[in-house]
Full PDB file with SEQRES, HELIX, SHEET, SSBOND, CRYST1, ORIGX, SCALE, CONECT and MASTER records, all heavy atoms in Angstrom:
SEQRES   1 A   35  GLY ALA GLU TYR PHE VAL ASP LEU ILE PRO LYS LEU LYS          
SEQRES   2 A   35  LEU GLU VAL VAL VAL PRO GLU GLY ARG LEU ASP ALA CYS          
SEQRES   3 A   35  LEU GLU ALA ILE THR GLU ALA ALA ARG                          
HELIX    1 AA1 GLU A   20  ARG A   22  5                                   3    
HELIX    2 AA2 LEU A   23  ALA A   34  1                                  12    
CRYST1    1.000    1.000    1.000  90.00  90.00  90.00 P 1           1          
ORIGX1      1.000000  0.000000  0.000000        0.00000                         
ORIGX2      0.000000  1.000000  0.000000        0.00000                         
ORIGX3      0.000000  0.000000  1.000000        0.00000                         
SCALE1      1.000000  0.000000  0.000000        0.00000                         
SCALE2      0.000000  1.000000  0.000000        0.00000                         
SCALE3      0.000000  0.000000  1.000000        0.00000                         
ATOM      1  N   GLY A   1     -17.044   4.882  25.927  1.00  0.00           N  
ATOM      2  CA  GLY A   1     -18.093   5.871  25.965  1.00  0.00           C  
ATOM      3  C   GLY A   1     -17.759   7.276  25.484  1.00  0.00           C  
ATOM      4  O   GLY A   1     -18.625   8.102  25.354  1.00  0.00           O  
ATOM      5  N   ALA A   2     -16.506   7.494  25.232  1.00  0.00           N  
ATOM      6  CA  ALA A   2     -16.070   8.845  24.808  1.00  0.00           C  
ATOM      7  C   ALA A   2     -15.726   8.803  23.312  1.00  0.00           C  
ATOM      8  O   ALA A   2     -15.094   7.862  22.813  1.00  0.00           O  
ATOM      9  CB  ALA A   2     -14.863   9.310  25.567  1.00  0.00           C  
ATOM     10  N   GLU A   3     -16.196   9.768  22.610  1.00  0.00           N  
ATOM     11  CA  GLU A   3     -15.952   9.823  21.149  1.00  0.00           C  
ATOM     12  C   GLU A   3     -14.727  10.719  20.944  1.00  0.00           C  
ATOM     13  O   GLU A   3     -14.579  11.783  21.528  1.00  0.00           O  
ATOM     14  CB  GLU A   3     -17.176  10.461  20.469  1.00  0.00           C  
ATOM     15  CG  GLU A   3     -17.117  10.359  18.917  1.00  0.00           C  
ATOM     16  CD  GLU A   3     -18.423  10.805  18.343  1.00  0.00           C  
ATOM     17  OE1 GLU A   3     -19.413  10.056  18.416  1.00  0.00           O  
ATOM     18  OE2 GLU A   3     -18.440  11.872  17.735  1.00  0.00           O  
ATOM     19  N   TYR A   4     -13.800  10.263  20.055  1.00  0.00           N  
ATOM     20  CA  TYR A   4     -12.642  11.068  19.760  1.00  0.00           C  
ATOM     21  C   TYR A   4     -12.288  10.932  18.274  1.00  0.00           C  
ATOM     22  O   TYR A   4     -12.620   9.950  17.626  1.00  0.00           O  
ATOM     23  CB  TYR A   4     -11.434  10.738  20.673  1.00  0.00           C  
ATOM     24  CG  TYR A   4     -10.897   9.333  20.513  1.00  0.00           C  
ATOM     25  CD1 TYR A   4      -9.768   9.092  19.715  1.00  0.00           C  
ATOM     26  CD2 TYR A   4     -11.479   8.279  21.120  1.00  0.00           C  
ATOM     27  CE1 TYR A   4      -9.272   7.832  19.569  1.00  0.00           C  
ATOM     28  CE2 TYR A   4     -10.952   6.978  20.983  1.00  0.00           C  
ATOM     29  CZ  TYR A   4      -9.843   6.801  20.182  1.00  0.00           C  
ATOM     30  OH  TYR A   4      -9.346   5.545  20.021  1.00  0.00           O  
ATOM     31  N   PHE A   5     -11.590  11.935  17.759  1.00  0.00           N  
ATOM     32  CA  PHE A   5     -11.247  12.008  16.341  1.00  0.00           C  
ATOM     33  C   PHE A   5      -9.836  11.478  16.136  1.00  0.00           C  
ATOM     34  O   PHE A   5      -8.891  11.937  16.808  1.00  0.00           O  
ATOM     35  CB  PHE A   5     -11.372  13.439  15.834  1.00  0.00           C  
ATOM     36  CG  PHE A   5     -11.151  13.531  14.377  1.00  0.00           C  
ATOM     37  CD1 PHE A   5     -12.120  13.100  13.483  1.00  0.00           C  
ATOM     38  CD2 PHE A   5     -10.015  14.137  13.919  1.00  0.00           C  
ATOM     39  CE1 PHE A   5     -11.901  13.257  12.107  1.00  0.00           C  
ATOM     40  CE2 PHE A   5      -9.820  14.248  12.537  1.00  0.00           C  
ATOM     41  CZ  PHE A   5     -10.769  13.818  11.639  1.00  0.00           C  
ATOM     42  N   VAL A   6      -9.672  10.527  15.203  1.00  0.00           N  
ATOM     43  CA  VAL A   6      -8.361  10.018  14.860  1.00  0.00           C  
ATOM     44  C   VAL A   6      -8.013  10.613  13.501  1.00  0.00           C  
ATOM     45  O   VAL A   6      -8.645  10.273  12.485  1.00  0.00           O  
ATOM     46  CB  VAL A   6      -8.391   8.495  14.753  1.00  0.00           C  
ATOM     47  CG1 VAL A   6      -7.030   7.928  14.343  1.00  0.00           C  
ATOM     48  CG2 VAL A   6      -8.808   7.833  16.069  1.00  0.00           C  
ATOM     49  N   ASP A   7      -7.042  11.491  13.431  1.00  0.00           N  
ATOM     50  CA  ASP A   7      -6.729  12.163  12.184  1.00  0.00           C  
ATOM     51  C   ASP A   7      -5.602  11.508  11.436  1.00  0.00           C  
ATOM     52  O   ASP A   7      -5.469  11.674  10.200  1.00  0.00           O  
ATOM     53  CB  ASP A   7      -6.452  13.646  12.376  1.00  0.00           C  
ATOM     54  CG  ASP A   7      -5.307  13.905  13.350  1.00  0.00           C  
ATOM     55  OD1 ASP A   7      -4.874  12.991  14.047  1.00  0.00           O  
ATOM     56  OD2 ASP A   7      -4.869  15.074  13.444  1.00  0.00           O  
ATOM     57  N   LEU A   8      -4.745  10.740  12.093  1.00  0.00           N  
ATOM     58  CA  LEU A   8      -3.639  10.009  11.423  1.00  0.00           C  
ATOM     59  C   LEU A   8      -3.975   8.491  11.489  1.00  0.00           C  
ATOM     60  O   LEU A   8      -4.009   7.923  12.569  1.00  0.00           O  
ATOM     61  CB  LEU A   8      -2.293  10.340  12.063  1.00  0.00           C  
ATOM     62  CG  LEU A   8      -1.865  11.782  11.894  1.00  0.00           C  
ATOM     63  CD1 LEU A   8      -0.541  11.972  12.677  1.00  0.00           C  
ATOM     64  CD2 LEU A   8      -1.695  12.141  10.469  1.00  0.00           C  
ATOM     65  N   ILE A   9      -4.191   7.925  10.334  1.00  0.00           N  
ATOM     66  CA  ILE A   9      -4.567   6.488  10.242  1.00  0.00           C  
ATOM     67  C   ILE A   9      -3.322   5.630  10.140  1.00  0.00           C  
ATOM     68  O   ILE A   9      -2.431   5.919   9.330  1.00  0.00           O  
ATOM     69  CB  ILE A   9      -5.463   6.301   8.994  1.00  0.00           C  
ATOM     70  CG1 ILE A   9      -6.559   7.328   8.952  1.00  0.00           C  
ATOM     71  CG2 ILE A   9      -6.004   4.896   8.957  1.00  0.00           C  
ATOM     72  CD1 ILE A   9      -7.560   7.278  10.055  1.00  0.00           C  
ATOM     73  N   PRO A  10      -3.243   4.514  10.903  1.00  0.00           N  
ATOM     74  CA  PRO A  10      -2.081   3.626  10.748  1.00  0.00           C  
ATOM     75  C   PRO A  10      -2.090   2.929   9.412  1.00  0.00           C  
ATOM     76  O   PRO A  10      -3.135   2.390   8.960  1.00  0.00           O  
ATOM     77  CB  PRO A  10      -2.233   2.643  11.877  1.00  0.00           C  
ATOM     78  CG  PRO A  10      -3.425   3.026  12.668  1.00  0.00           C  
ATOM     79  CD  PRO A  10      -4.123   4.137  11.934  1.00  0.00           C  
ATOM     80  N   LYS A  11      -0.960   2.891   8.723  1.00  0.00           N  
ATOM     81  CA  LYS A  11      -0.814   2.251   7.427  1.00  0.00           C  
ATOM     82  C   LYS A  11       0.557   1.568   7.409  1.00  0.00           C  
ATOM     83  O   LYS A  11       1.382   1.716   8.347  1.00  0.00           O  
ATOM     84  CB  LYS A  11      -0.833   3.283   6.306  1.00  0.00           C  
ATOM     85  CG  LYS A  11      -2.105   4.078   6.178  1.00  0.00           C  
ATOM     86  CD  LYS A  11      -3.221   3.298   5.562  1.00  0.00           C  
ATOM     87  CE  LYS A  11      -4.426   4.219   5.358  1.00  0.00           C  
ATOM     88  NZ  LYS A  11      -5.454   3.607   4.622  1.00  0.00           N  
ATOM     89  N   LEU A  12       0.848   0.817   6.365  1.00  0.00           N  
ATOM     90  CA  LEU A  12       2.168   0.243   6.148  1.00  0.00           C  
ATOM     91  C   LEU A  12       2.699   0.762   4.814  1.00  0.00           C  
ATOM     92  O   LEU A  12       1.963   0.965   3.882  1.00  0.00           O  
ATOM     93  CB  LEU A  12       2.080  -1.299   6.049  1.00  0.00           C  
ATOM     94  CG  LEU A  12       1.706  -2.007   7.309  1.00  0.00           C  
ATOM     95  CD1 LEU A  12       1.684  -3.532   7.073  1.00  0.00           C  
ATOM     96  CD2 LEU A  12       2.698  -1.731   8.435  1.00  0.00           C  
ATOM     97  N   LYS A  13       4.006   1.021   4.826  1.00  0.00           N  
ATOM     98  CA  LYS A  13       4.661   1.469   3.610  1.00  0.00           C  
ATOM     99  C   LYS A  13       5.624   0.364   3.172  1.00  0.00           C  
ATOM    100  O   LYS A  13       6.529  -0.073   3.908  1.00  0.00           O  
ATOM    101  CB  LYS A  13       5.450   2.747   3.873  1.00  0.00           C  
ATOM    102  CG  LYS A  13       6.239   3.265   2.671  1.00  0.00           C  
ATOM    103  CD  LYS A  13       7.012   4.519   3.087  1.00  0.00           C  
ATOM    104  CE  LYS A  13       7.922   4.979   2.016  1.00  0.00           C  
ATOM    105  NZ  LYS A  13       8.620   6.192   2.488  1.00  0.00           N  
ATOM    106  N   LEU A  14       5.367  -0.160   1.936  1.00  0.00           N  
ATOM    107  CA  LEU A  14       6.224  -1.189   1.359  1.00  0.00           C  
ATOM    108  C   LEU A  14       7.141  -0.516   0.368  1.00  0.00           C  
ATOM    109  O   LEU A  14       6.690   0.321  -0.453  1.00  0.00           O  
ATOM    110  CB  LEU A  14       5.397  -2.247   0.626  1.00  0.00           C  
ATOM    111  CG  LEU A  14       4.254  -2.875   1.353  1.00  0.00           C  
ATOM    112  CD1 LEU A  14       3.508  -3.834   0.410  1.00  0.00           C  
ATOM    113  CD2 LEU A  14       4.769  -3.650   2.528  1.00  0.00           C  
ATOM    114  N   GLU A  15       8.392  -0.932   0.330  1.00  0.00           N  
ATOM    115  CA  GLU A  15       9.314  -0.416  -0.618  1.00  0.00           C  
ATOM    116  C   GLU A  15       9.987  -1.641  -1.340  1.00  0.00           C  
ATOM    117  O   GLU A  15      10.460  -2.541  -0.686  1.00  0.00           O  
ATOM    118  CB  GLU A  15      10.418   0.405   0.027  1.00  0.00           C  
ATOM    119  CG  GLU A  15       9.846   1.676   0.674  1.00  0.00           C  
ATOM    120  CD  GLU A  15      10.894   2.432   1.433  1.00  0.00           C  
ATOM    121  OE1 GLU A  15      11.614   3.258   0.817  1.00  0.00           O  
ATOM    122  OE2 GLU A  15      11.052   2.166   2.658  1.00  0.00           O  
ATOM    123  N   VAL A  16       9.887  -1.648  -2.669  1.00  0.00           N  
ATOM    124  CA  VAL A  16      10.461  -2.746  -3.467  1.00  0.00           C  
ATOM    125  C   VAL A  16      11.132  -2.126  -4.665  1.00  0.00           C  
ATOM    126  O   VAL A  16      10.590  -1.199  -5.308  1.00  0.00           O  
ATOM    127  CB  VAL A  16       9.316  -3.696  -3.983  1.00  0.00           C  
ATOM    128  CG1 VAL A  16       9.868  -4.802  -4.783  1.00  0.00           C  
ATOM    129  CG2 VAL A  16       8.445  -4.168  -2.853  1.00  0.00           C  
ATOM    130  N   VAL A  17      12.323  -2.605  -4.970  1.00  0.00           N  
ATOM    131  CA  VAL A  17      13.053  -2.182  -6.180  1.00  0.00           C  
ATOM    132  C   VAL A  17      12.941  -3.333  -7.199  1.00  0.00           C  
ATOM    133  O   VAL A  17      13.250  -4.455  -6.870  1.00  0.00           O  
ATOM    134  CB  VAL A  17      14.515  -1.849  -5.899  1.00  0.00           C  
ATOM    135  CG1 VAL A  17      15.239  -1.430  -7.194  1.00  0.00           C  
ATOM    136  CG2 VAL A  17      14.568  -0.688  -4.902  1.00  0.00           C  
ATOM    137  N   VAL A  18      12.427  -2.985  -8.356  1.00  0.00           N  
ATOM    138  CA  VAL A  18      12.182  -4.047  -9.401  1.00  0.00           C  
ATOM    139  C   VAL A  18      12.884  -3.644 -10.710  1.00  0.00           C  
ATOM    140  O   VAL A  18      13.031  -2.455 -11.027  1.00  0.00           O  
ATOM    141  CB  VAL A  18      10.680  -4.219  -9.633  1.00  0.00           C  
ATOM    142  CG1 VAL A  18       9.980  -4.697  -8.380  1.00  0.00           C  
ATOM    143  CG2 VAL A  18      10.032  -2.956 -10.123  1.00  0.00           C  
ATOM    144  N   PRO A  19      13.247  -4.664 -11.500  1.00  0.00           N  
ATOM    145  CA  PRO A  19      13.768  -4.354 -12.846  1.00  0.00           C  
ATOM    146  C   PRO A  19      12.631  -3.732 -13.726  1.00  0.00           C  
ATOM    147  O   PRO A  19      11.470  -3.992 -13.507  1.00  0.00           O  
ATOM    148  CB  PRO A  19      14.123  -5.773 -13.404  1.00  0.00           C  
ATOM    149  CG  PRO A  19      14.236  -6.666 -12.235  1.00  0.00           C  
ATOM    150  CD  PRO A  19      13.276  -6.069 -11.190  1.00  0.00           C  
ATOM    151  N   GLU A  20      13.064  -2.939 -14.662  1.00  0.00           N  
ATOM    152  CA  GLU A  20      12.096  -2.169 -15.501  1.00  0.00           C  
ATOM    153  C   GLU A  20      11.054  -3.094 -16.131  1.00  0.00           C  
ATOM    154  O   GLU A  20       9.891  -2.781 -16.212  1.00  0.00           O  
ATOM    155  CB  GLU A  20      12.891  -1.437 -16.568  1.00  0.00           C  
ATOM    156  CG  GLU A  20      12.117  -0.357 -17.289  1.00  0.00           C  
ATOM    157  CD  GLU A  20      11.956   0.878 -16.446  1.00  0.00           C  
ATOM    158  OE1 GLU A  20      12.912   1.280 -15.753  1.00  0.00           O  
ATOM    159  OE2 GLU A  20      10.848   1.494 -16.553  1.00  0.00           O  
ATOM    160  N   GLY A  21      11.502  -4.290 -16.600  1.00  0.00           N  
ATOM    161  CA  GLY A  21      10.601  -5.214 -17.319  1.00  0.00           C  
ATOM    162  C   GLY A  21       9.540  -5.847 -16.422  1.00  0.00           C  
ATOM    163  O   GLY A  21       8.594  -6.435 -16.912  1.00  0.00           O  
ATOM    164  N   ARG A  22       9.706  -5.797 -15.121  1.00  0.00           N  
ATOM    165  CA  ARG A  22       8.758  -6.423 -14.207  1.00  0.00           C  
ATOM    166  C   ARG A  22       7.892  -5.415 -13.478  1.00  0.00           C  
ATOM    167  O   ARG A  22       7.107  -5.772 -12.599  1.00  0.00           O  
ATOM    168  CB  ARG A  22       9.516  -7.288 -13.222  1.00  0.00           C  
ATOM    169  CG  ARG A  22      10.441  -8.278 -13.991  1.00  0.00           C  
ATOM    170  CD  ARG A  22      11.056  -9.293 -13.139  1.00  0.00           C  
ATOM    171  NE  ARG A  22      10.030 -10.234 -12.792  1.00  0.00           N  
ATOM    172  CZ  ARG A  22      10.230 -11.171 -11.834  1.00  0.00           C  
ATOM    173  NH1 ARG A  22      11.373 -11.252 -11.235  1.00  0.00           N  
ATOM    174  NH2 ARG A  22       9.297 -12.010 -11.537  1.00  0.00           N  
ATOM    175  N   LEU A  23       8.023  -4.152 -13.845  1.00  0.00           N  
ATOM    176  CA  LEU A  23       7.300  -3.062 -13.154  1.00  0.00           C  
ATOM    177  C   LEU A  23       5.796  -3.235 -13.255  1.00  0.00           C  
ATOM    178  O   LEU A  23       5.071  -3.199 -12.273  1.00  0.00           O  
ATOM    179  CB  LEU A  23       7.739  -1.692 -13.664  1.00  0.00           C  
ATOM    180  CG  LEU A  23       6.979  -0.533 -13.036  1.00  0.00           C  
ATOM    181  CD1 LEU A  23       7.267  -0.454 -11.544  1.00  0.00           C  
ATOM    182  CD2 LEU A  23       7.439   0.772 -13.717  1.00  0.00           C  
ATOM    183  N   ASP A  24       5.298  -3.432 -14.481  1.00  0.00           N  
ATOM    184  CA  ASP A  24       3.862  -3.563 -14.652  1.00  0.00           C  
ATOM    185  C   ASP A  24       3.227  -4.715 -13.871  1.00  0.00           C  
ATOM    186  O   ASP A  24       2.186  -4.584 -13.237  1.00  0.00           O  
ATOM    187  CB  ASP A  24       3.503  -3.672 -16.138  1.00  0.00           C  
ATOM    188  CG  ASP A  24       3.747  -2.390 -16.909  1.00  0.00           C  
ATOM    189  OD1 ASP A  24       3.802  -1.335 -16.241  1.00  0.00           O  
ATOM    190  OD2 ASP A  24       3.953  -2.461 -18.133  1.00  0.00           O  
ATOM    191  N   ALA A  25       3.918  -5.865 -13.859  1.00  0.00           N  
ATOM    192  CA  ALA A  25       3.425  -7.033 -13.149  1.00  0.00           C  
ATOM    193  C   ALA A  25       3.427  -6.759 -11.634  1.00  0.00           C  
ATOM    194  O   ALA A  25       2.493  -7.136 -10.935  1.00  0.00           O  
ATOM    195  CB  ALA A  25       4.272  -8.256 -13.471  1.00  0.00           C  
ATOM    196  N   CYS A  26       4.476  -6.046 -11.149  1.00  0.00           N  
ATOM    197  CA  CYS A  26       4.538  -5.680  -9.745  1.00  0.00           C  
ATOM    198  C   CYS A  26       3.408  -4.777  -9.360  1.00  0.00           C  
ATOM    199  O   CYS A  26       2.763  -4.964  -8.327  1.00  0.00           O  
ATOM    200  CB  CYS A  26       5.901  -5.031  -9.465  1.00  0.00           C  
ATOM    201  SG  CYS A  26       6.109  -4.427  -7.775  1.00  0.00           S  
ATOM    202  N   LEU A  27       3.163  -3.765 -10.154  1.00  0.00           N  
ATOM    203  CA  LEU A  27       2.068  -2.817  -9.840  1.00  0.00           C  
ATOM    204  C   LEU A  27       0.743  -3.481  -9.821  1.00  0.00           C  
ATOM    205  O   LEU A  27      -0.106  -3.223  -8.979  1.00  0.00           O  
ATOM    206  CB  LEU A  27       2.080  -1.642 -10.842  1.00  0.00           C  
ATOM    207  CG  LEU A  27       3.321  -0.761 -10.818  1.00  0.00           C  
ATOM    208  CD1 LEU A  27       3.259   0.324 -11.919  1.00  0.00           C  
ATOM    209  CD2 LEU A  27       3.435  -0.095  -9.429  1.00  0.00           C  
ATOM    210  N   GLU A  28       0.494  -4.362 -10.797  1.00  0.00           N  
ATOM    211  CA  GLU A  28      -0.736  -5.068 -10.866  1.00  0.00           C  
ATOM    212  C   GLU A  28      -0.934  -5.994  -9.660  1.00  0.00           C  
ATOM    213  O   GLU A  28      -2.010  -6.070  -9.080  1.00  0.00           O  
ATOM    214  CB  GLU A  28      -0.829  -5.898 -12.128  1.00  0.00           C  
ATOM    215  CG  GLU A  28      -2.146  -6.588 -12.344  1.00  0.00           C  
ATOM    216  CD  GLU A  28      -2.263  -7.317 -13.661  1.00  0.00           C  
ATOM    217  OE1 GLU A  28      -1.564  -6.947 -14.603  1.00  0.00           O  
ATOM    218  OE2 GLU A  28      -3.042  -8.315 -13.739  1.00  0.00           O  
ATOM    219  N   ALA A  29       0.118  -6.697  -9.240  1.00  0.00           N  
ATOM    220  CA  ALA A  29       0.059  -7.560  -8.096  1.00  0.00           C  
ATOM    221  C   ALA A  29      -0.268  -6.780  -6.826  1.00  0.00           C  
ATOM    222  O   ALA A  29      -1.112  -7.212  -6.009  1.00  0.00           O  
ATOM    223  CB  ALA A  29       1.370  -8.352  -7.946  1.00  0.00           C  
ATOM    224  N   ILE A  30       0.394  -5.676  -6.605  1.00  0.00           N  
ATOM    225  CA  ILE A  30       0.116  -4.879  -5.415  1.00  0.00           C  
ATOM    226  C   ILE A  30      -1.282  -4.334  -5.419  1.00  0.00           C  
ATOM    227  O   ILE A  30      -2.005  -4.436  -4.428  1.00  0.00           O  
ATOM    228  CB  ILE A  30       1.159  -3.695  -5.327  1.00  0.00           C  
ATOM    229  CG1 ILE A  30       2.555  -4.248  -5.044  1.00  0.00           C  
ATOM    230  CG2 ILE A  30       0.716  -2.699  -4.245  1.00  0.00           C  
ATOM    231  CD1 ILE A  30       3.618  -3.207  -5.138  1.00  0.00           C  
ATOM    232  N   THR A  31      -1.699  -3.797  -6.573  1.00  0.00           N  
ATOM    233  CA  THR A  31      -3.030  -3.237  -6.682  1.00  0.00           C  
ATOM    234  C   THR A  31      -4.150  -4.274  -6.406  1.00  0.00           C  
ATOM    235  O   THR A  31      -5.060  -3.998  -5.647  1.00  0.00           O  
ATOM    236  CB  THR A  31      -3.260  -2.603  -8.101  1.00  0.00           C  
ATOM    237  OG1 THR A  31      -2.234  -1.647  -8.295  1.00  0.00           O  
ATOM    238  CG2 THR A  31      -4.582  -1.961  -8.167  1.00  0.00           C  
ATOM    239  N   GLU A  32      -4.035  -5.429  -7.012  1.00  0.00           N  
ATOM    240  CA  GLU A  32      -5.016  -6.471  -6.862  1.00  0.00           C  
ATOM    241  C   GLU A  32      -5.047  -6.979  -5.391  1.00  0.00           C  
ATOM    242  O   GLU A  32      -6.094  -7.242  -4.863  1.00  0.00           O  
ATOM    243  CB  GLU A  32      -4.805  -7.609  -7.824  1.00  0.00           C  
ATOM    244  CG  GLU A  32      -5.126  -7.233  -9.265  1.00  0.00           C  
ATOM    245  CD  GLU A  32      -6.557  -6.813  -9.498  1.00  0.00           C  
ATOM    246  OE1 GLU A  32      -7.473  -7.466  -8.950  1.00  0.00           O  
ATOM    247  OE2 GLU A  32      -6.754  -5.777 -10.143  1.00  0.00           O  
ATOM    248  N   ALA A  33      -3.876  -7.177  -4.803  1.00  0.00           N  
ATOM    249  CA  ALA A  33      -3.772  -7.768  -3.496  1.00  0.00           C  
ATOM    250  C   ALA A  33      -4.210  -6.789  -2.399  1.00  0.00           C  
ATOM    251  O   ALA A  33      -4.746  -7.162  -1.362  1.00  0.00           O  
ATOM    252  CB  ALA A  33      -2.370  -8.290  -3.195  1.00  0.00           C  
ATOM    253  N   ALA A  34      -3.984  -5.481  -2.594  1.00  0.00           N  
ATOM    254  CA  ALA A  34      -4.258  -4.522  -1.527  1.00  0.00           C  
ATOM    255  C   ALA A  34      -5.673  -3.885  -1.663  1.00  0.00           C  
ATOM    256  O   ALA A  34      -6.134  -3.237  -0.733  1.00  0.00           O  
ATOM    257  CB  ALA A  34      -3.204  -3.350  -1.621  1.00  0.00           C  
ATOM    258  N   ARG A  35      -6.335  -4.075  -2.795  1.00  0.00           N  
ATOM    259  CA  ARG A  35      -7.643  -3.484  -3.000  1.00  0.00           C  
ATOM    260  C   ARG A  35      -8.745  -4.083  -2.169  1.00  0.00           C  
ATOM    261  O   ARG A  35      -8.903  -5.275  -2.163  1.00  0.00           O  
ATOM    262  CB  ARG A  35      -8.012  -3.537  -4.480  1.00  0.00           C  
ATOM    263  CG  ARG A  35      -9.386  -2.877  -4.759  1.00  0.00           C  
ATOM    264  CD  ARG A  35      -9.746  -2.958  -6.214  1.00  0.00           C  
ATOM    265  NE  ARG A  35      -8.857  -2.150  -6.998  1.00  0.00           N  
ATOM    266  CZ  ARG A  35      -8.331  -2.486  -8.151  1.00  0.00           C  
ATOM    267  NH1 ARG A  35      -8.570  -3.649  -8.694  1.00  0.00           N  
ATOM    268  NH2 ARG A  35      -7.554  -1.679  -8.802  1.00  0.00           N  
TER     269      ARG A  35                                                      
MASTER        0    0    0    2    0    0    0    6  268    1    0    3          
END                                                                             
């Protein structure tokens, strides 16, 4: 019954190291899956 403001939203931070040649595929996969 009480209204309150949440200013920090819970998220997840993923970290992945990829070879240069696979960067575009990695970015596309993350973007499509997370959207």
